[in-house]
N, C-alpha and C. Protein backbone atom coordinates (compact mmCIF):
# COMPACT_ATOMS: atom_id res chain seq x y z
N MET A 1 50.34 4.05 62.77
CA MET A 1 49.00 3.14 61.96
C MET A 1 48.02 3.47 62.74
N GLN A 2 47.86 3.31 63.81
CA GLN A 2 46.42 3.11 64.96
C GLN A 2 45.49 4.97 64.16
N SER A 3 46.44 6.26 63.47
CA SER A 3 45.73 6.82 62.97
C SER A 3 44.77 6.22 61.62
N ASN A 4 45.76 5.48 60.78
CA ASN A 4 45.15 5.03 60.16
C ASN A 4 44.43 4.53 59.25
N ALA A 5 44.12 3.63 60.30
CA ALA A 5 42.97 3.12 60.74
C ALA A 5 41.46 3.90 60.67
N VAL A 6 41.80 5.06 62.10
CA VAL A 6 40.88 5.72 62.55
C VAL A 6 40.62 6.20 61.08
N LYS A 7 41.08 6.96 60.13
CA LYS A 7 41.12 7.44 59.19
C LYS A 7 40.03 6.92 58.09
N THR A 8 40.44 5.60 58.07
CA THR A 8 39.94 4.58 57.35
C THR A 8 38.59 4.25 56.99
N TYR A 9 38.05 4.06 58.86
CA TYR A 9 37.20 4.15 59.55
C TYR A 9 36.26 4.93 59.39
N GLN A 10 36.68 6.12 59.28
CA GLN A 10 35.95 7.40 59.51
C GLN A 10 35.41 7.86 57.87
N ASN A 11 35.94 7.37 57.05
CA ASN A 11 35.96 7.78 55.66
C ASN A 11 34.55 6.35 55.43
N VAL A 12 34.91 5.06 55.99
CA VAL A 12 33.77 4.40 55.58
C VAL A 12 32.65 4.30 56.60
N LEU A 13 32.75 5.02 57.54
CA LEU A 13 31.74 5.59 58.32
C LEU A 13 30.84 7.01 57.26
N LYS A 14 31.73 7.99 56.72
CA LYS A 14 30.71 8.78 56.14
C LYS A 14 30.33 8.39 54.80
N GLU A 15 30.55 7.32 53.93
CA GLU A 15 30.36 6.81 53.13
C GLU A 15 28.79 5.88 53.21
N THR A 16 28.97 5.34 54.19
CA THR A 16 27.63 4.21 54.77
C THR A 16 26.60 4.94 55.53
N MET A 17 26.50 6.32 55.54
CA MET A 17 25.94 7.22 56.99
C MET A 17 24.51 7.88 56.16
N SER A 18 23.02 7.34 56.65
CA SER A 18 22.28 8.12 55.60
C SER A 18 22.11 9.12 55.18
N GLY A 19 21.60 9.47 54.75
CA GLY A 19 21.61 10.92 55.22
C GLY A 19 20.30 12.15 56.42
N ARG A 20 19.59 11.12 56.71
CA ARG A 20 19.04 11.46 58.31
C ARG A 20 20.03 11.00 59.14
N GLU A 21 21.05 9.99 59.55
CA GLU A 21 21.98 10.13 60.71
C GLU A 21 23.20 10.78 59.89
N THR A 22 22.78 11.43 58.51
CA THR A 22 24.50 12.32 58.78
C THR A 22 23.42 14.11 59.24
N GLU A 23 22.55 14.34 58.83
CA GLU A 23 21.55 14.86 59.38
C GLU A 23 21.87 15.16 60.96
N ALA A 24 21.69 14.47 61.38
CA ALA A 24 21.08 14.26 63.24
C ALA A 24 22.93 14.21 63.71
N ARG A 25 23.84 13.74 63.15
CA ARG A 25 25.58 13.68 63.17
C ARG A 25 25.83 15.57 63.86
N VAL A 26 24.99 15.95 62.14
CA VAL A 26 25.97 17.28 62.29
C VAL A 26 25.07 17.99 63.06
N LEU A 27 24.05 18.17 63.17
CA LEU A 27 22.54 18.79 64.51
C LEU A 27 23.83 18.39 65.91
N THR A 28 24.28 17.90 66.17
CA THR A 28 24.47 17.29 67.29
C THR A 28 25.55 17.63 67.97
N GLN A 29 26.65 17.26 66.48
CA GLN A 29 28.11 18.38 66.34
C GLN A 29 27.69 20.48 66.73
N GLY A 30 26.78 20.23 66.15
CA GLY A 30 26.31 22.04 66.34
C GLY A 30 25.85 22.37 68.08
N ALA A 31 25.41 21.48 68.77
CA ALA A 31 24.31 21.37 69.57
C ALA A 31 26.32 21.22 70.74
N LEU A 32 26.71 20.30 70.42
CA LEU A 32 28.35 19.99 71.02
C LEU A 32 29.08 21.19 71.18
N LYS A 33 29.41 22.20 69.65
CA LYS A 33 30.03 23.20 70.24
C LYS A 33 29.40 24.13 70.60
N LEU A 34 28.15 24.20 71.19
CA LEU A 34 27.35 25.50 71.83
C LEU A 34 27.95 25.34 72.68
N ILE A 35 27.60 24.17 73.77
CA ILE A 35 27.70 22.83 74.91
C ILE A 35 29.20 24.05 76.08
N ASP A 36 29.87 23.30 74.73
CA ASP A 36 31.59 23.37 74.95
C ASP A 36 31.26 25.73 74.85
N CYS A 37 31.29 26.16 74.27
CA CYS A 37 30.89 27.12 74.29
C CYS A 37 30.47 28.11 76.37
N GLN A 38 29.32 27.24 75.98
CA GLN A 38 28.99 27.75 77.49
C GLN A 38 29.76 27.27 78.94
N LYS A 39 30.45 26.26 79.02
CA LYS A 39 30.72 25.02 79.68
C LYS A 39 32.01 26.43 79.84
N ASN A 40 32.90 27.25 78.78
CA ASN A 40 33.47 28.03 78.98
C ASN A 40 34.32 29.15 78.58
N TRP A 41 32.47 29.27 79.09
CA TRP A 41 31.87 31.14 78.66
C TRP A 41 32.93 32.52 79.24
N ASP A 42 33.87 31.97 80.06
CA ASP A 42 34.96 33.43 80.88
C ASP A 42 36.14 33.16 80.27
N ALA A 43 36.66 31.91 78.77
CA ALA A 43 37.73 31.53 78.69
C ALA A 43 38.34 32.57 77.73
N PRO A 44 38.89 32.95 77.45
CA PRO A 44 39.72 34.27 76.47
C PRO A 44 39.40 34.11 75.39
N ASP A 45 39.58 32.79 74.81
CA ASP A 45 39.06 32.66 73.43
C ASP A 45 37.99 32.64 72.56
N ARG A 46 36.84 32.59 73.96
CA ARG A 46 35.36 32.55 73.97
C ARG A 46 34.75 33.30 72.42
N ASN A 47 35.03 34.74 72.40
CA ASN A 47 34.16 34.68 71.35
C ASN A 47 35.23 34.56 70.11
N VAL A 48 36.05 33.73 69.68
CA VAL A 48 36.68 33.31 68.41
C VAL A 48 35.50 31.99 68.28
N ARG A 49 35.57 31.06 69.69
CA ARG A 49 34.97 29.99 69.92
C ARG A 49 33.09 30.24 69.95
N LEU A 50 32.29 31.01 70.24
CA LEU A 50 31.62 31.62 70.06
C LEU A 50 30.90 31.77 68.59
N ASP A 51 32.09 32.28 68.16
CA ASP A 51 32.06 33.01 66.63
C ASP A 51 31.26 31.77 65.49
N GLU A 52 32.62 30.35 65.63
CA GLU A 52 32.29 29.59 64.72
C GLU A 52 31.77 28.81 65.04
N ALA A 53 31.47 29.01 66.10
CA ALA A 53 30.20 27.82 67.03
C ALA A 53 28.65 28.45 65.75
N LEU A 54 28.39 29.80 66.31
CA LEU A 54 27.45 29.84 65.80
C LEU A 54 26.84 30.13 64.70
N LYS A 55 28.19 30.02 63.67
CA LYS A 55 28.40 30.22 62.32
C LYS A 55 28.15 29.12 61.75
N TYR A 56 28.18 28.02 62.16
CA TYR A 56 28.60 26.94 62.15
C TYR A 56 27.31 26.08 61.94
N ASN A 57 26.68 26.32 62.82
CA ASN A 57 24.76 25.90 63.29
C ASN A 57 24.20 26.96 62.17
N GLN A 58 24.36 28.72 62.06
CA GLN A 58 23.86 29.01 61.35
C GLN A 58 23.84 27.90 59.95
N ARG A 59 25.05 27.75 59.45
CA ARG A 59 25.21 27.18 58.28
C ARG A 59 24.51 25.43 58.01
N ILE A 60 23.81 24.75 58.97
CA ILE A 60 23.43 23.61 58.86
C ILE A 60 21.65 24.19 58.54
N TRP A 61 21.09 25.06 59.47
CA TRP A 61 19.82 24.95 59.80
C TRP A 61 19.75 26.15 58.24
N SER A 62 20.89 26.72 57.51
CA SER A 62 20.41 27.20 56.00
C SER A 62 20.63 26.47 54.88
N ILE A 63 21.30 25.05 55.31
CA ILE A 63 21.07 24.57 54.30
C ILE A 63 19.80 23.44 54.63
N PHE A 64 19.43 23.28 55.39
CA PHE A 64 17.97 22.31 55.64
C PHE A 64 17.39 23.61 54.97
N GLN A 65 16.87 25.19 54.95
CA GLN A 65 16.39 25.61 54.77
C GLN A 65 15.87 25.70 52.86
N VAL A 66 16.69 25.15 52.88
CA VAL A 66 17.33 25.49 51.14
C VAL A 66 17.12 23.82 50.98
N GLU A 67 17.23 22.85 51.41
CA GLU A 67 17.12 21.63 50.79
C GLU A 67 15.33 22.24 51.21
N VAL A 68 14.74 22.27 52.12
CA VAL A 68 13.11 21.21 52.05
C VAL A 68 12.33 22.66 51.02
N SER A 69 13.00 24.04 50.85
CA SER A 69 12.43 24.75 49.30
C SER A 69 12.48 24.23 48.36
N LYS A 70 13.27 23.51 48.19
CA LYS A 70 13.30 22.23 46.42
C LYS A 70 12.30 21.66 46.06
N ALA A 71 12.21 22.08 45.19
CA ALA A 71 10.60 22.20 44.43
C ALA A 71 10.46 20.18 44.49
N ASP A 72 12.12 19.20 45.20
CA ASP A 72 11.74 18.18 44.45
C ASP A 72 11.76 17.24 45.56
N ASN A 73 11.73 18.05 46.65
CA ASN A 73 11.77 18.38 47.86
C ASN A 73 10.86 17.34 48.64
N PRO A 74 10.55 15.77 48.85
CA PRO A 74 9.49 14.49 49.35
C PRO A 74 8.71 15.23 50.96
N LEU A 75 9.21 15.67 51.19
CA LEU A 75 8.71 15.80 53.01
C LEU A 75 7.62 16.53 52.16
N PRO A 76 6.15 16.57 53.20
CA PRO A 76 5.19 17.10 52.88
C PRO A 76 5.39 18.38 53.79
N ALA A 77 4.19 19.08 52.92
CA ALA A 77 3.96 20.86 52.81
C ALA A 77 4.15 21.73 54.27
N ASN A 78 3.42 20.57 55.03
CA ASN A 78 3.88 21.01 56.53
C ASN A 78 4.80 21.22 57.46
N ILE A 79 5.67 19.71 57.34
CA ILE A 79 6.47 19.42 58.35
C ILE A 79 7.95 20.57 56.73
N LYS A 80 7.17 20.82 55.40
CA LYS A 80 8.64 21.90 55.19
C LYS A 80 8.93 22.89 55.75
N ASN A 81 6.79 23.42 56.53
CA ASN A 81 7.13 24.51 56.48
C ASN A 81 7.63 24.69 57.88
N ASN A 82 7.19 23.95 58.81
CA ASN A 82 7.82 23.94 60.03
C ASN A 82 9.08 24.15 59.59
N VAL A 83 10.12 23.41 59.35
CA VAL A 83 11.66 23.91 58.97
C VAL A 83 11.77 25.45 59.02
N ILE A 84 10.92 25.71 57.32
CA ILE A 84 11.38 26.75 57.13
C ILE A 84 11.34 27.68 58.90
N LEU A 85 10.31 27.43 59.03
CA LEU A 85 9.90 28.19 60.93
C LEU A 85 10.44 28.17 61.62
N LEU A 86 11.16 27.02 61.66
CA LEU A 86 12.61 26.85 63.15
C LEU A 86 13.44 27.64 62.38
N SER A 87 13.75 27.42 60.93
CA SER A 87 15.23 27.75 60.94
C SER A 87 14.83 29.02 60.86
N ARG A 88 14.15 30.33 60.52
CA ARG A 88 14.13 31.19 60.42
C ARG A 88 14.31 31.34 62.15
N PHE A 89 13.67 31.26 62.78
CA PHE A 89 13.69 31.05 64.41
C PHE A 89 15.07 30.43 65.00
N VAL A 90 15.83 29.76 64.63
CA VAL A 90 17.22 29.71 65.54
C VAL A 90 17.85 31.13 64.44
N ASP A 91 17.76 31.15 63.28
CA ASP A 91 18.60 32.80 62.88
C ASP A 91 18.59 33.49 63.53
N ARG A 92 17.13 34.51 64.05
CA ARG A 92 17.05 35.02 65.00
C ARG A 92 17.55 35.09 66.16
N ARG A 93 17.53 33.89 66.52
CA ARG A 93 18.67 33.44 67.93
C ARG A 93 19.84 33.70 67.67
N ILE A 94 20.51 33.52 66.34
CA ILE A 94 21.81 33.43 66.61
C ILE A 94 21.81 34.98 66.10
N PHE A 95 21.88 35.87 65.62
CA PHE A 95 22.00 37.24 65.13
C PHE A 95 21.70 37.94 66.54
N GLU A 96 20.76 37.70 67.40
CA GLU A 96 20.65 38.06 68.46
C GLU A 96 21.86 37.54 69.69
N THR A 97 22.34 36.68 69.81
CA THR A 97 24.03 35.90 70.39
C THR A 97 24.87 36.96 70.02
N MET A 98 24.91 36.86 68.42
CA MET A 98 26.02 37.14 68.30
C MET A 98 26.02 38.90 68.14
N ALA A 99 24.64 39.35 69.07
CA ALA A 99 25.33 40.59 68.57
C ALA A 99 25.35 41.06 70.50
N PHE A 100 24.41 40.82 70.87
CA PHE A 100 24.41 40.28 72.55
C PHE A 100 24.45 38.92 73.14
N PRO A 101 25.45 38.78 73.00
CA PRO A 101 26.08 37.55 73.96
C PRO A 101 25.97 37.32 75.27
N THR A 102 25.01 35.70 75.99
CA THR A 102 25.01 35.45 76.83
C THR A 102 24.99 34.16 76.74
N PRO A 103 25.25 33.10 77.44
CA PRO A 103 25.51 31.86 77.73
C PRO A 103 23.74 31.08 77.81
N GLU A 104 22.84 31.52 78.24
CA GLU A 104 21.25 31.51 78.36
C GLU A 104 21.07 31.58 77.09
N LYS A 105 21.37 32.45 76.51
CA LYS A 105 20.47 33.21 74.91
C LYS A 105 20.53 30.85 73.49
N LEU A 106 21.81 30.31 74.67
CA LEU A 106 22.21 29.67 73.52
C LEU A 106 21.79 27.77 74.26
N ASP A 107 20.92 28.19 74.78
CA ASP A 107 19.93 26.74 75.24
C ASP A 107 19.29 26.26 73.90
N ILE A 108 18.13 27.40 73.87
CA ILE A 108 17.62 26.98 72.54
C ILE A 108 17.50 26.41 71.18
N ILE A 109 18.55 26.69 71.51
CA ILE A 109 19.38 26.16 69.79
C ILE A 109 20.15 24.52 70.39
N ILE A 110 20.48 24.25 71.27
CA ILE A 110 21.21 23.34 72.01
C ILE A 110 19.82 22.62 71.59
N ARG A 111 18.77 22.81 72.29
CA ARG A 111 17.97 21.74 73.17
C ARG A 111 16.92 21.57 71.37
N ILE A 112 16.79 22.77 71.01
CA ILE A 112 16.33 22.27 68.91
C ILE A 112 17.38 21.13 68.54
N ASN A 113 18.54 22.03 68.29
CA ASN A 113 19.58 20.75 67.21
C ASN A 113 18.89 19.19 68.52
N LYS A 114 19.06 19.21 69.75
CA LYS A 114 19.06 17.90 70.46
C LYS A 114 18.21 16.96 70.13
N ASN A 115 16.75 17.55 69.72
CA ASN A 115 16.24 16.64 69.45
C ASN A 115 15.49 16.54 68.73
N ILE A 116 16.25 17.29 67.50
CA ILE A 116 15.70 17.04 65.49
C ILE A 116 16.74 15.85 66.01
N ALA A 117 18.07 15.96 65.78
CA ALA A 117 19.29 15.03 66.07
C ALA A 117 17.94 13.66 66.63
N ALA A 118 17.17 13.56 67.49
CA ALA A 118 16.76 12.72 68.19
C ALA A 118 15.93 11.75 67.89
N GLY A 119 14.89 13.25 67.11
CA GLY A 119 13.98 12.05 66.21
C GLY A 119 14.32 12.08 64.84
N LEU A 120 15.29 12.14 64.59
CA LEU A 120 16.22 11.71 62.59
C LEU A 120 17.10 10.14 62.82
N ARG A 121 17.19 10.08 64.12
CA ARG A 121 17.71 8.77 64.81
C ARG A 121 17.04 7.92 65.22
N GLY A 122 15.16 8.49 65.63
CA GLY A 122 14.53 7.78 65.86
C GLY A 122 14.68 7.52 67.38
N SER A 123 15.05 8.38 67.91
CA SER A 123 15.42 8.19 69.65
C SER A 123 14.79 8.92 70.45
N PRO A 124 14.60 8.90 71.52
CA PRO A 124 13.94 10.17 72.65
C PRO A 124 15.92 10.75 73.06
N SER A 125 15.62 11.81 73.44
CA SER A 125 17.02 13.25 73.12
C SER A 125 17.67 12.60 74.33
N GLY A 126 18.50 12.06 74.54
CA GLY A 126 19.37 12.16 75.74
C GLY A 126 20.51 12.86 75.67
N PRO A 127 21.40 12.97 76.93
CA PRO A 127 22.62 13.94 77.29
C PRO A 127 23.34 13.76 76.40
N ILE A 128 23.52 15.06 75.60
CA ILE A 128 25.21 14.33 74.73
C ILE A 128 26.07 15.24 75.09
N ASP A 129 26.29 15.86 76.57
CA ASP A 129 27.35 16.76 76.80
C ASP A 129 28.12 16.15 77.60
């Protein structure tokens, strides 16, 4: 019974969330996946979890890149450009981490995700781990 109530709540939450809230939630989830990898770096399934976390973050930033590139996107040109530059940086870091993984390489992606999520929420970045 409680499981159905939780699922219902989650469905309502998804339907009522604004685009900014959704983006913040997705970025936060991406940061949490990377933090989990850092905390469990020596785990036997690290490579699988790291691959999944990096691909998840890559999808996030690819979607942002596509969205800001659309002609009807209402963001100012300088913000669109900054998002594209930032997404390219994240892409490079993800590929570098896939090729030569170290937990420290995840720090910058985590910080970027957390700071952008905080900005979308209109609040200062705080701990999420």
